Amino acid sequence: MSDPPDAEVLALAALRHPDLPVAEVDGPAGEVTLLSDHRHDLVVQHFEGVVARLTGNLLGRCDEFNRRLNASRPNCENSSVGSPPACCRS
C-alpha cells in the first residue's frame, strides 16, 4: 500500500468480500521478504523526498545565481534563467 486511500479501498474490498483469500507469509523467509520490501519502499520514499527538496532549493536559487553571475561580468547583458549571458554564447 502506498497511501491511506489505497488502504481504505483495500479495507472496503475486504469488508464487501469476506470470501477473499487471506495472504499468508511463508515462515521466516516470507517475513524477511516482507521486511525487505517495506525497507525498499521506505528508502525510495526518502530518496524521492531528498531529490524533491534539492530540486526545490536549486530552482529557488537559480534567479539569485544568475543575478550574481551577471553582476560579476560587467559587460554581460542581463539574462533570464536558462539563457546564458550574451558574452557566453558561442
N, C-alpha and C. Protein backbone atom coordinates (compact mmCIF):
# COMPACT_ATOMS: atom_id res chain seq x y z
N MET A 1 0.84 -1.18 0.00
CA MET A 1 0.00 0.00 0.00
C MET A 1 0.88 1.24 0.00
N SER A 2 0.49 2.19 -0.81
CA SER A 2 1.33 3.37 -0.91
C SER A 2 0.80 4.55 -0.11
N ASP A 3 -0.49 4.54 0.20
CA ASP A 3 -1.02 5.69 0.94
C ASP A 3 -2.37 5.34 1.57
N PRO A 4 -2.88 6.22 2.43
CA PRO A 4 -4.15 5.93 3.12
C PRO A 4 -5.34 5.65 2.19
N PRO A 5 -5.49 6.36 1.04
CA PRO A 5 -6.63 6.00 0.17
C PRO A 5 -6.56 4.55 -0.33
N ASP A 6 -5.33 4.06 -0.63
CA ASP A 6 -5.19 2.66 -1.05
C ASP A 6 -5.61 1.73 0.08
N ALA A 7 -5.21 2.06 1.30
CA ALA A 7 -5.56 1.23 2.45
C ALA A 7 -7.07 1.19 2.64
N GLU A 8 -7.71 2.33 2.45
CA GLU A 8 -9.17 2.38 2.60
C GLU A 8 -9.87 1.52 1.56
N VAL A 9 -9.40 1.60 0.31
CA VAL A 9 -10.00 0.79 -0.76
C VAL A 9 -9.84 -0.69 -0.47
N LEU A 10 -8.67 -1.08 0.00
CA LEU A 10 -8.45 -2.49 0.32
C LEU A 10 -9.32 -2.94 1.49
N ALA A 11 -9.45 -2.09 2.50
CA ALA A 11 -10.28 -2.44 3.66
C ALA A 11 -11.74 -2.59 3.25
N LEU A 12 -12.22 -1.68 2.41
CA LEU A 12 -13.62 -1.78 1.94
C LEU A 12 -13.84 -3.04 1.10
N ALA A 13 -12.87 -3.37 0.25
CA ALA A 13 -12.98 -4.59 -0.55
C ALA A 13 -13.03 -5.82 0.35
N ALA A 14 -12.21 -5.82 1.40
CA ALA A 14 -12.20 -6.96 2.32
C ALA A 14 -13.53 -7.08 3.06
N LEU A 15 -14.14 -5.95 3.42
CA LEU A 15 -15.44 -5.98 4.11
C LEU A 15 -16.55 -6.45 3.17
N ARG A 16 -16.50 -6.05 1.94
CA ARG A 16 -17.55 -6.42 0.96
C ARG A 16 -17.42 -7.86 0.49
N HIS A 17 -16.20 -8.38 0.53
CA HIS A 17 -15.95 -9.74 0.02
C HIS A 17 -15.23 -10.57 1.09
N PRO A 18 -15.95 -11.05 2.09
CA PRO A 18 -15.30 -11.79 3.17
C PRO A 18 -14.70 -13.12 2.71
N ASP A 19 -15.04 -13.57 1.50
CA ASP A 19 -14.52 -14.84 1.00
C ASP A 19 -13.16 -14.69 0.29
N LEU A 20 -12.59 -13.50 0.29
CA LEU A 20 -11.27 -13.31 -0.33
C LEU A 20 -10.23 -14.15 0.42
N PRO A 21 -9.27 -14.71 -0.31
CA PRO A 21 -8.24 -15.49 0.38
C PRO A 21 -7.37 -14.60 1.26
N VAL A 22 -6.91 -15.17 2.35
CA VAL A 22 -6.06 -14.44 3.29
C VAL A 22 -4.61 -14.61 2.86
N ALA A 23 -3.89 -13.52 2.78
CA ALA A 23 -2.47 -13.60 2.43
C ALA A 23 -1.70 -14.13 3.64
N GLU A 24 -0.85 -15.10 3.39
CA GLU A 24 -0.06 -15.67 4.46
C GLU A 24 1.41 -15.59 4.12
N VAL A 25 2.21 -15.42 5.14
CA VAL A 25 3.65 -15.36 4.97
C VAL A 25 4.20 -16.76 5.15
N ASP A 26 5.13 -17.14 4.29
CA ASP A 26 5.70 -18.49 4.33
C ASP A 26 6.90 -18.55 5.26
N GLY A 27 6.65 -18.55 6.55
CA GLY A 27 7.72 -18.71 7.54
C GLY A 27 8.67 -17.53 7.58
N PRO A 28 9.86 -17.76 8.16
CA PRO A 28 10.85 -16.68 8.31
C PRO A 28 11.28 -16.06 6.98
N ALA A 29 11.39 -16.86 5.94
CA ALA A 29 11.81 -16.32 4.63
C ALA A 29 10.77 -15.33 4.11
N GLY A 30 9.50 -15.62 4.31
CA GLY A 30 8.45 -14.70 3.89
C GLY A 30 8.46 -13.42 4.70
N GLU A 31 8.74 -13.54 5.99
CA GLU A 31 8.82 -12.35 6.84
C GLU A 31 9.98 -11.46 6.42
N VAL A 32 11.11 -12.09 6.10
CA VAL A 32 12.27 -11.31 5.64
C VAL A 32 11.94 -10.62 4.32
N THR A 33 11.23 -11.29 3.45
CA THR A 33 10.83 -10.68 2.17
C THR A 33 9.93 -9.48 2.41
N LEU A 34 8.95 -9.63 3.31
CA LEU A 34 8.06 -8.50 3.62
C LEU A 34 8.84 -7.33 4.21
N LEU A 35 9.73 -7.61 5.15
CA LEU A 35 10.54 -6.55 5.75
C LEU A 35 11.45 -5.88 4.72
N SER A 36 12.03 -6.69 3.85
CA SER A 36 12.91 -6.15 2.81
C SER A 36 12.12 -5.27 1.84
N ASP A 37 10.95 -5.72 1.45
CA ASP A 37 10.10 -4.91 0.55
C ASP A 37 9.71 -3.60 1.22
N HIS A 38 9.37 -3.67 2.51
CA HIS A 38 8.98 -2.46 3.23
C HIS A 38 10.16 -1.50 3.33
N ARG A 39 11.35 -2.03 3.63
CA ARG A 39 12.54 -1.19 3.71
C ARG A 39 12.80 -0.53 2.36
N HIS A 40 12.67 -1.30 1.29
CA HIS A 40 12.86 -0.74 -0.06
C HIS A 40 11.90 0.43 -0.29
N ASP A 41 10.64 0.25 0.08
CA ASP A 41 9.66 1.33 -0.08
C ASP A 41 10.05 2.57 0.72
N LEU A 42 10.54 2.36 1.95
CA LEU A 42 10.96 3.49 2.77
C LEU A 42 12.16 4.22 2.17
N VAL A 43 13.11 3.46 1.64
CA VAL A 43 14.29 4.06 1.01
C VAL A 43 13.88 4.87 -0.22
N VAL A 44 12.99 4.32 -1.03
CA VAL A 44 12.51 5.04 -2.22
C VAL A 44 11.81 6.33 -1.81
N GLN A 45 10.94 6.26 -0.82
CA GLN A 45 10.24 7.47 -0.35
C GLN A 45 11.22 8.51 0.15
N HIS A 46 12.23 8.07 0.90
CA HIS A 46 13.23 9.01 1.43
C HIS A 46 14.01 9.64 0.29
N PHE A 47 14.44 8.82 -0.67
CA PHE A 47 15.21 9.32 -1.81
C PHE A 47 14.41 10.33 -2.62
N GLU A 48 13.14 10.01 -2.87
CA GLU A 48 12.29 10.94 -3.62
C GLU A 48 12.13 12.26 -2.87
N GLY A 49 12.02 12.19 -1.55
CA GLY A 49 11.91 13.40 -0.75
C GLY A 49 13.17 14.24 -0.82
N VAL A 50 14.32 13.58 -0.75
CA VAL A 50 15.60 14.30 -0.83
C VAL A 50 15.73 14.97 -2.18
N VAL A 51 15.42 14.24 -3.25
CA VAL A 51 15.51 14.81 -4.60
C VAL A 51 14.56 16.00 -4.74
N ALA A 52 13.35 15.88 -4.23
CA ALA A 52 12.39 16.98 -4.33
C ALA A 52 12.89 18.21 -3.59
N ARG A 53 13.44 18.01 -2.38
CA ARG A 53 13.97 19.16 -1.62
C ARG A 53 15.14 19.79 -2.32
N LEU A 54 16.07 18.98 -2.82
CA LEU A 54 17.23 19.53 -3.53
C LEU A 54 16.81 20.28 -4.78
N THR A 55 15.89 19.71 -5.53
CA THR A 55 15.40 20.37 -6.75
C THR A 55 14.77 21.71 -6.40
N GLY A 56 13.94 21.73 -5.38
CA GLY A 56 13.30 22.97 -4.96
C GLY A 56 14.31 24.01 -4.53
N ASN A 57 15.33 23.57 -3.76
CA ASN A 57 16.36 24.50 -3.32
C ASN A 57 17.15 25.06 -4.50
N LEU A 58 17.52 24.19 -5.44
CA LEU A 58 18.29 24.65 -6.59
C LEU A 58 17.49 25.59 -7.47
N LEU A 59 16.24 25.24 -7.74
CA LEU A 59 15.42 26.10 -8.57
C LEU A 59 15.15 27.43 -7.90
N GLY A 60 15.02 27.41 -6.58
CA GLY A 60 14.80 28.65 -5.85
C GLY A 60 16.00 29.56 -5.87
N ARG A 61 17.17 29.00 -6.09
CA ARG A 61 18.39 29.80 -6.10
C ARG A 61 18.85 30.17 -7.50
N CYS A 62 18.22 29.68 -8.53
CA CYS A 62 18.64 29.98 -9.91
C CYS A 62 18.60 31.46 -10.20
N ASP A 63 17.54 32.14 -9.81
CA ASP A 63 17.46 33.57 -10.06
C ASP A 63 18.59 34.31 -9.38
N GLU A 64 18.84 33.97 -8.12
CA GLU A 64 19.91 34.62 -7.38
C GLU A 64 21.26 34.32 -8.03
N PHE A 65 21.48 33.08 -8.45
CA PHE A 65 22.73 32.69 -9.10
C PHE A 65 22.94 33.50 -10.38
N ASN A 66 21.91 33.59 -11.21
CA ASN A 66 22.04 34.35 -12.46
C ASN A 66 22.31 35.83 -12.21
N ARG A 67 21.66 36.40 -11.19
CA ARG A 67 21.91 37.80 -10.86
C ARG A 67 23.37 38.00 -10.45
N ARG A 68 23.89 37.10 -9.62
CA ARG A 68 25.28 37.22 -9.18
C ARG A 68 26.25 37.00 -10.34
N LEU A 69 25.94 36.04 -11.20
CA LEU A 69 26.79 35.78 -12.36
C LEU A 69 26.85 37.01 -13.26
N ASN A 70 25.71 37.60 -13.53
CA ASN A 70 25.66 38.78 -14.39
C ASN A 70 26.35 39.98 -13.73
N ALA A 71 26.22 40.09 -12.42
CA ALA A 71 26.85 41.20 -11.71
C ALA A 71 28.37 41.08 -11.74
N SER A 72 28.87 39.83 -11.80
CA SER A 72 30.32 39.62 -11.81
C SER A 72 30.92 39.85 -13.19
N ARG A 73 30.09 40.00 -14.21
CA ARG A 73 30.55 40.24 -15.58
C ARG A 73 29.94 41.56 -16.05
N PRO A 74 30.61 42.65 -15.83
CA PRO A 74 30.01 43.96 -16.11
C PRO A 74 29.64 44.18 -17.58
N ASN A 75 30.26 43.46 -18.51
CA ASN A 75 29.94 43.65 -19.93
C ASN A 75 28.82 42.75 -20.42
N CYS A 76 28.28 41.92 -19.54
CA CYS A 76 27.22 40.99 -19.95
C CYS A 76 25.86 41.67 -19.89
N GLU A 77 25.00 41.24 -20.78
CA GLU A 77 23.61 41.70 -20.72
C GLU A 77 22.91 40.93 -19.61
N ASN A 78 21.87 41.51 -19.08
CA ASN A 78 21.07 40.75 -18.11
C ASN A 78 20.43 39.59 -18.83
N SER A 79 20.44 38.42 -18.18
CA SER A 79 19.85 37.25 -18.81
C SER A 79 18.82 36.64 -17.89
N SER A 80 17.92 35.88 -18.47
CA SER A 80 16.91 35.18 -17.66
C SER A 80 17.40 33.77 -17.39
N VAL A 81 16.73 33.09 -16.48
CA VAL A 81 17.09 31.73 -16.13
C VAL A 81 17.02 30.85 -17.37
N GLY A 82 18.03 30.04 -17.58
CA GLY A 82 18.03 29.13 -18.72
C GLY A 82 18.65 29.72 -19.95
N SER A 83 18.91 31.01 -19.97
CA SER A 83 19.51 31.66 -21.12
C SER A 83 20.86 32.22 -20.71
N PRO A 84 21.97 31.79 -21.37
CA PRO A 84 23.26 32.29 -20.95
C PRO A 84 23.44 33.75 -21.32
N PRO A 85 24.28 34.48 -20.60
CA PRO A 85 24.54 35.87 -20.94
C PRO A 85 25.10 35.98 -22.36
N ALA A 86 24.94 37.12 -22.98
CA ALA A 86 25.37 37.32 -24.37
C ALA A 86 26.85 37.03 -24.54
N CYS A 87 27.66 37.38 -23.53
CA CYS A 87 29.10 37.17 -23.67
C CYS A 87 29.48 35.71 -23.60
N CYS A 88 28.58 34.85 -23.16
CA CYS A 88 28.90 33.42 -23.03
C CYS A 88 28.34 32.60 -24.20
N ARG A 89 27.60 33.23 -25.05
CA ARG A 89 27.03 32.49 -26.19
C ARG A 89 28.09 32.31 -27.25
N SER A 90 28.10 31.14 -27.90
CA SER A 90 29.08 30.93 -28.96
C SER A 90 28.50 31.20 -30.32
